N, C-alpha and C. Protein backbone atom coordinates (compact mmCIF):
# COMPACT_ATOMS: atom_id res chain seq x y z
N ASN A 1 123.97 31.95 154.04
CA ASN A 1 124.50 33.22 153.67
C ASN A 1 124.96 33.63 152.37
N THR A 2 125.61 32.40 152.06
CA THR A 2 126.51 32.58 150.67
C THR A 2 125.51 32.30 149.33
N ALA A 3 124.28 31.89 149.63
CA ALA A 3 123.05 31.48 148.91
C ALA A 3 122.72 32.74 148.75
N ALA A 4 121.64 33.22 149.77
CA ALA A 4 121.40 34.71 149.85
C ALA A 4 122.03 36.09 148.87
N THR A 5 123.57 35.82 149.11
CA THR A 5 124.41 36.92 147.94
C THR A 5 124.81 36.52 147.18
N SER A 6 124.40 35.19 146.52
CA SER A 6 124.81 34.71 145.28
C SER A 6 123.52 35.09 144.57
N GLY A 7 122.13 35.34 145.01
CA GLY A 7 121.04 34.95 144.57
C GLY A 7 120.42 36.52 144.65
N SER A 8 120.91 37.21 145.24
CA SER A 8 120.76 38.92 145.19
C SER A 8 121.87 39.43 144.62
N ALA A 9 123.03 38.87 143.57
CA ALA A 9 123.70 39.45 143.01
C ALA A 9 122.60 39.08 141.90
N GLU A 10 122.58 37.78 141.35
CA GLU A 10 121.80 37.26 140.34
C GLU A 10 120.65 37.96 139.91
N ARG A 11 119.78 38.70 141.07
CA ARG A 11 118.78 39.40 140.31
C ARG A 11 119.34 40.90 140.32
N GLN A 12 120.15 41.38 140.59
CA GLN A 12 120.55 42.68 140.30
C GLN A 12 120.88 42.56 138.70
N ARG A 13 122.11 41.03 138.49
CA ARG A 13 122.28 41.23 136.94
C ARG A 13 121.14 41.33 136.17
N LEU A 14 120.33 40.28 136.63
CA LEU A 14 118.98 40.54 135.55
C LEU A 14 118.15 41.34 135.72
N ARG A 15 118.01 42.23 136.61
CA ARG A 15 117.29 44.04 136.48
C ARG A 15 118.13 44.67 135.52
N LEU A 16 119.68 44.19 135.95
CA LEU A 16 120.25 45.38 134.59
C LEU A 16 119.99 45.32 133.35
N ILE A 17 119.60 43.80 133.22
CA ILE A 17 119.44 43.13 131.51
C ILE A 17 118.42 42.91 131.31
N GLY A 18 117.08 43.77 132.03
CA GLY A 18 116.14 44.27 131.43
C GLY A 18 115.13 42.45 132.16
N MET A 19 115.39 41.71 132.81
CA MET A 19 114.60 40.67 132.96
C MET A 19 114.68 39.91 134.94
N ASP A 20 113.60 40.06 134.90
CA ASP A 20 113.31 39.59 136.69
C ASP A 20 113.52 38.63 136.81
N ALA A 21 113.48 37.92 138.05
CA ALA A 21 114.14 36.65 138.58
C ALA A 21 113.08 35.82 138.20
N GLY A 22 111.62 35.82 138.11
CA GLY A 22 110.57 34.63 137.76
C GLY A 22 110.87 34.43 136.64
N ALA A 23 111.01 35.25 135.45
CA ALA A 23 111.64 35.11 133.77
C ALA A 23 112.62 34.31 133.46
N ALA A 24 113.70 35.05 134.03
CA ALA A 24 115.03 33.89 133.91
C ALA A 24 115.03 32.69 134.63
N SER A 25 114.03 32.17 135.75
CA SER A 25 114.35 30.50 135.77
C SER A 25 112.96 30.26 135.46
N GLY A 26 112.16 30.42 134.09
CA GLY A 26 111.45 29.85 133.32
C GLY A 26 109.67 29.86 134.27
N GLY A 27 110.14 31.36 135.59
CA GLY A 27 108.62 30.84 135.56
C GLY A 27 107.60 32.66 135.18
N SER A 28 106.65 32.07 135.87
CA SER A 28 105.17 33.32 135.32
C SER A 28 105.41 34.41 134.96
N GLY A 29 106.75 34.93 135.74
CA GLY A 29 107.10 36.29 135.68
C GLY A 29 107.27 37.30 134.40
N ASP A 30 106.28 38.19 134.06
CA ASP A 30 106.02 38.73 132.86
C ASP A 30 106.89 39.58 132.30
N SER A 31 107.73 39.60 132.01
CA SER A 31 108.71 40.81 131.85
C SER A 31 109.01 41.57 130.66
N GLY A 32 109.68 42.42 129.95
CA GLY A 32 109.52 43.14 128.94
C GLY A 32 110.35 42.59 128.03
N GLU A 33 111.58 41.46 128.51
CA GLU A 33 112.33 40.89 128.21
C GLU A 33 111.58 39.61 126.93
N THR A 34 111.23 38.63 128.29
CA THR A 34 110.45 37.76 127.59
C THR A 34 109.35 37.81 126.86
N ALA A 35 108.33 39.03 127.01
CA ALA A 35 107.48 39.36 125.84
C ALA A 35 108.21 39.95 124.41
N SER A 36 108.97 40.74 124.77
CA SER A 36 109.61 41.13 123.59
C SER A 36 110.37 40.09 122.45
N MET A 37 110.54 38.87 123.13
CA MET A 37 111.26 37.76 122.40
C MET A 37 109.96 36.86 121.55
N SER A 38 108.98 36.83 122.13
CA SER A 38 107.84 36.23 121.27
C SER A 38 107.14 36.74 120.60
N ARG A 39 107.50 38.55 120.66
CA ARG A 39 106.83 39.53 118.84
C ARG A 39 107.88 39.34 117.97
N GLU A 40 107.17 39.13 116.96
CA GLU A 40 107.85 39.51 115.91
C GLU A 40 109.08 41.27 115.55
N PRO A 41 109.92 41.02 115.12
CA PRO A 41 110.69 42.35 114.43
C PRO A 41 109.71 43.13 114.20
N PRO A 42 110.16 44.63 114.27
CA PRO A 42 109.08 45.86 114.20
C PRO A 42 109.58 45.45 112.42
N SER A 43 108.55 45.76 111.53
CA SER A 43 108.57 46.10 110.33
C SER A 43 109.64 47.45 109.89
N VAL A 44 110.30 47.03 108.59
CA VAL A 44 111.39 48.11 108.28
C VAL A 44 110.32 49.26 107.06
N GLY A 45 109.35 48.50 106.22
CA GLY A 45 108.74 49.05 105.40
C GLY A 45 107.34 48.22 104.94
N PRO A 46 107.05 48.42 103.91
CA PRO A 46 105.57 48.08 103.63
C PRO A 46 106.09 46.34 103.38
N SER A 47 104.91 45.83 103.29
CA SER A 47 105.32 44.32 103.44
C SER A 47 105.32 44.46 101.65
N PRO A 48 105.91 43.33 101.09
CA PRO A 48 105.88 42.97 99.19
C PRO A 48 105.12 42.94 98.78
N HIS A 49 103.70 42.63 99.31
CA HIS A 49 102.18 42.70 99.00
C HIS A 49 101.55 44.04 98.98
N GLN A 50 101.96 45.43 99.27
CA GLN A 50 101.67 46.52 99.65
C GLN A 50 102.28 47.35 99.05
N SER A 51 101.49 47.93 98.29
CA SER A 51 102.48 49.28 97.85
C SER A 51 102.16 50.64 98.80
N PRO A 52 103.26 51.37 98.94
CA PRO A 52 103.71 52.76 100.04
C PRO A 52 102.80 53.39 100.00
N GLY A 53 102.38 54.08 100.85
CA GLY A 53 101.42 54.86 100.69
C GLY A 53 101.63 56.41 100.57
N PRO A 54 101.32 57.36 100.41
CA PRO A 54 101.80 58.83 100.28
C PRO A 54 102.55 59.67 101.12
N SER A 55 102.41 58.47 102.34
CA SER A 55 103.59 59.31 103.29
C SER A 55 104.75 58.22 102.85
N GLN A 56 104.54 57.46 102.70
CA GLN A 56 106.01 55.98 102.44
C GLN A 56 106.55 56.85 101.49
N GLY A 57 107.87 56.33 100.95
CA GLY A 57 108.20 56.05 100.01
C GLY A 57 109.52 56.94 99.60
N ARG A 58 109.79 57.99 99.06
CA ARG A 58 110.50 58.83 98.09
C ARG A 58 110.13 59.84 98.54
N THR A 59 111.03 60.47 99.10
CA THR A 59 110.55 61.97 99.77
C THR A 59 110.77 63.45 98.51
N SER A 60 112.25 62.92 97.58
CA SER A 60 111.73 63.82 96.71
C SER A 60 111.38 63.25 95.41
N PRO A 61 111.32 64.03 94.31
CA PRO A 61 110.45 63.56 92.95
C PRO A 61 112.09 63.52 92.19
N LEU A 62 112.06 61.83 91.81
CA LEU A 62 113.28 61.59 91.22
C LEU A 62 112.67 61.82 89.72
N PRO A 63 113.60 61.74 88.13
CA PRO A 63 113.11 61.93 86.87
C PRO A 63 112.39 60.14 86.42
N VAL A 64 111.49 60.26 85.85
CA VAL A 64 110.72 58.84 85.59
C VAL A 64 111.55 57.83 84.65
N ARG A 65 111.69 57.28 85.24
CA ARG A 65 112.38 56.21 84.25
C ARG A 65 111.48 55.44 83.35
N THR A 66 111.45 55.21 82.18
CA THR A 66 110.44 54.01 81.51
C THR A 66 111.04 52.60 81.33
N GLY A 67 112.29 52.25 81.33
CA GLY A 67 112.88 51.33 81.64
C GLY A 67 114.16 51.16 80.27
N VAL A 68 113.35 51.56 79.37
CA VAL A 68 114.02 52.34 77.96
C VAL A 68 115.34 52.60 77.75
N PRO A 69 115.95 52.40 77.19
CA PRO A 69 117.88 53.13 77.56
C PRO A 69 117.56 53.80 76.10
N VAL A 70 118.05 55.21 76.69
CA VAL A 70 117.85 56.49 75.65
C VAL A 70 119.43 56.73 75.33
N CYS A 71 120.15 57.46 74.26
CA CYS A 71 120.93 58.08 74.58
C CYS A 71 121.36 59.54 75.23
N GLN A 72 122.19 59.69 76.17
CA GLN A 72 122.28 60.68 76.85
C GLN A 72 122.67 61.84 76.32
N VAL A 73 122.59 62.24 75.28
CA VAL A 73 122.93 63.32 74.60
C VAL A 73 122.01 64.33 74.35
N GLU A 74 122.11 65.53 74.40
CA GLU A 74 120.99 66.65 74.32
C GLU A 74 120.80 66.38 72.90
N GLU A 75 118.84 66.54 72.88
CA GLU A 75 118.06 66.43 71.76
C GLU A 75 118.55 65.34 71.04
N CYS A 76 119.11 64.20 71.75
CA CYS A 76 119.11 63.03 70.67
C CYS A 76 118.36 61.62 71.31
N ALA A 77 118.16 61.56 72.28
CA ALA A 77 117.13 60.81 73.18
C ALA A 77 116.68 59.29 71.91
N LYS A 78 117.68 59.13 71.37
CA LYS A 78 117.59 58.12 70.71
C LYS A 78 117.28 56.49 70.73
N ASP A 79 116.42 55.67 70.99
CA ASP A 79 116.10 54.44 71.57
C ASP A 79 117.58 53.68 71.38
N LEU A 80 118.09 52.81 72.07
CA LEU A 80 119.28 52.10 72.21
C LEU A 80 118.65 50.41 72.42
N SER A 81 117.39 50.31 72.32
CA SER A 81 117.12 48.39 73.05
C SER A 81 117.28 48.10 71.80
N GLY A 82 117.89 48.45 70.20
CA GLY A 82 118.44 47.59 69.63
C GLY A 82 119.62 47.36 69.16
N LEU A 83 120.53 48.35 69.90
CA LEU A 83 121.65 48.53 69.95
C LEU A 83 122.50 47.36 70.88
N THR A 84 123.85 47.02 71.25
CA THR A 84 124.68 46.20 71.95
C THR A 84 124.73 46.42 73.39
N THR A 85 124.59 45.94 73.99
CA THR A 85 124.76 45.87 75.62
C THR A 85 125.57 46.92 75.70
N TYR A 86 126.79 47.28 75.58
CA TYR A 86 127.44 48.31 75.15
C TYR A 86 127.42 49.50 75.33
N HIS A 87 126.58 49.73 74.26
CA HIS A 87 125.62 51.35 73.68
C HIS A 87 124.84 51.35 75.47
N GLN A 88 123.93 50.63 75.11
CA GLN A 88 122.92 50.44 76.36
C GLN A 88 123.65 50.74 77.80
N ARG A 89 124.56 50.34 78.45
CA ARG A 89 125.44 50.18 79.19
C ARG A 89 125.87 51.69 79.51
N CYS A 90 126.67 52.49 78.35
CA CYS A 90 127.16 53.66 78.24
C CYS A 90 126.01 54.91 78.15
N ARG A 91 124.79 54.23 77.72
CA ARG A 91 123.84 55.09 77.87
C ARG A 91 124.19 56.19 76.06
N ILE A 92 124.45 55.43 75.19
CA ILE A 92 125.43 56.34 73.95
C ILE A 92 124.73 55.70 72.81
N CYS A 93 124.66 56.61 71.68
CA CYS A 93 124.14 56.00 70.55
C CYS A 93 125.16 55.86 69.72
N ASP A 94 124.84 54.81 68.54
CA ASP A 94 125.64 54.17 67.63
C ASP A 94 126.40 55.93 67.00
N GLN A 95 126.02 56.60 67.01
CA GLN A 95 126.78 58.06 66.07
C GLN A 95 127.22 58.85 66.81
N HIS A 96 127.16 58.58 68.44
CA HIS A 96 127.87 59.47 68.87
C HIS A 96 128.74 59.15 69.75
N ILE A 97 128.30 58.18 69.79
CA ILE A 97 130.05 57.17 70.26
C ILE A 97 131.09 57.13 69.17
N LYS A 98 131.26 58.19 67.88
CA LYS A 98 132.41 58.53 67.20
C LYS A 98 132.55 59.58 67.05
N GLU A 99 131.60 60.49 67.71
CA GLU A 99 131.44 61.88 67.58
C GLU A 99 132.78 62.17 67.90
N PRO A 100 133.43 63.40 67.45
CA PRO A 100 134.87 63.87 68.40
C PRO A 100 134.28 65.21 69.22
N GLU A 101 132.52 65.72 69.08
CA GLU A 101 132.28 66.24 70.14
C GLU A 101 130.65 66.34 70.30
N PHE A 102 129.95 66.77 71.60
CA PHE A 102 129.01 66.87 71.25
C PHE A 102 128.08 67.37 72.73
N LEU A 103 126.94 67.82 72.86
CA LEU A 103 126.91 68.70 73.71
C LEU A 103 126.02 67.61 75.01
N ARG A 104 126.18 67.73 75.88
CA ARG A 104 125.35 67.02 77.09
C ARG A 104 125.48 67.63 78.51
N GLY A 105 124.57 68.11 78.85
CA GLY A 105 124.76 68.81 80.18
C GLY A 105 124.74 70.45 79.76
N GLY A 106 125.12 70.68 78.40
CA GLY A 106 125.58 72.52 78.38
C GLY A 106 127.05 72.33 77.62
N ILE A 107 127.46 71.61 78.20
CA ILE A 107 129.24 71.41 77.94
C ILE A 107 129.26 70.52 76.89
N LEU A 108 130.15 71.36 75.84
CA LEU A 108 130.82 69.98 75.08
C LEU A 108 131.62 69.11 75.40
N GLN A 109 131.37 67.67 75.15
CA GLN A 109 131.94 66.74 75.40
C GLN A 109 132.42 66.05 74.47
N ARG A 110 133.23 64.66 74.77
CA ARG A 110 133.66 63.62 74.17
C ARG A 110 133.44 62.23 74.61
N PHE A 111 133.03 61.67 74.25
CA PHE A 111 132.65 59.76 74.95
C PHE A 111 134.38 59.08 74.49
N CYS A 112 134.88 58.94 76.01
CA CYS A 112 135.83 58.19 75.84
C CYS A 112 135.48 56.40 76.42
N GLN A 113 136.19 55.78 75.45
CA GLN A 113 136.10 54.33 75.34
C GLN A 113 136.73 53.90 76.12
N GLN A 114 137.74 53.89 76.83
CA GLN A 114 138.39 53.94 77.75
C GLN A 114 137.64 53.32 78.96
N CYS A 115 137.03 54.50 79.70
CA CYS A 115 136.09 54.53 80.41
C CYS A 115 134.98 54.40 80.18
N GLY A 116 134.35 54.25 79.11
CA GLY A 116 133.20 54.53 79.17
C GLY A 116 132.17 55.31 79.47
N ARG A 117 132.43 56.81 79.86
CA ARG A 117 132.13 58.04 80.26
C ARG A 117 132.30 59.31 79.02
N CYS A 118 131.45 60.19 79.42
CA CYS A 118 131.99 61.53 78.83
C CYS A 118 132.48 62.05 79.98
N HIS A 119 133.18 62.75 79.23
CA HIS A 119 134.43 64.04 79.98
C HIS A 119 134.53 65.17 79.00
N HIS A 120 134.79 66.33 79.64
CA HIS A 120 135.16 67.46 78.75
C HIS A 120 136.29 67.82 77.56
N LEU A 121 136.44 68.08 76.91
CA LEU A 121 136.82 68.03 75.75
C LEU A 121 138.71 68.40 75.91
N ASP A 122 138.90 69.43 77.39
CA ASP A 122 140.37 69.22 77.36
C ASP A 122 140.94 68.02 78.27
N ALA A 123 139.86 67.02 78.41
CA ALA A 123 140.60 65.39 78.97
C ALA A 123 141.25 64.89 77.88
N PHE A 124 140.92 65.07 76.37
CA PHE A 124 141.33 64.28 75.55
C PHE A 124 142.69 64.89 74.70
N ASP A 125 143.90 64.37 73.94
CA ASP A 125 144.88 64.91 73.46
C ASP A 125 144.04 65.10 71.83
N SER A 126 144.82 66.51 71.62
CA SER A 126 144.18 66.31 70.45
C SER A 126 144.69 65.99 68.70
């Protein structure tokens, strides 16, 4: 009687976690759990050997980057590949790094050598 009760409880526990008694005891019962364990996980994206198809990839167009670092100041676009890594990382040429003001995004700004970013002129002491 006790064995039948514990067997019934075990079957109920296995049913709750998605296995049947045959699969849990190593039998030939084909349950979803056993089948899913032998399958490979679903692919998250294209394999490294595939290029993304038209329905895969980015959903919004991004600006095309050529890999060549250029100055971020309006109407400059100087190639920074011959300058130091600091100039390349901050994306500013040797001329504009020293300028007291320049246009960037339609706003007069200045390069801050402390943080390596451009700020509105009000952020600087005169």
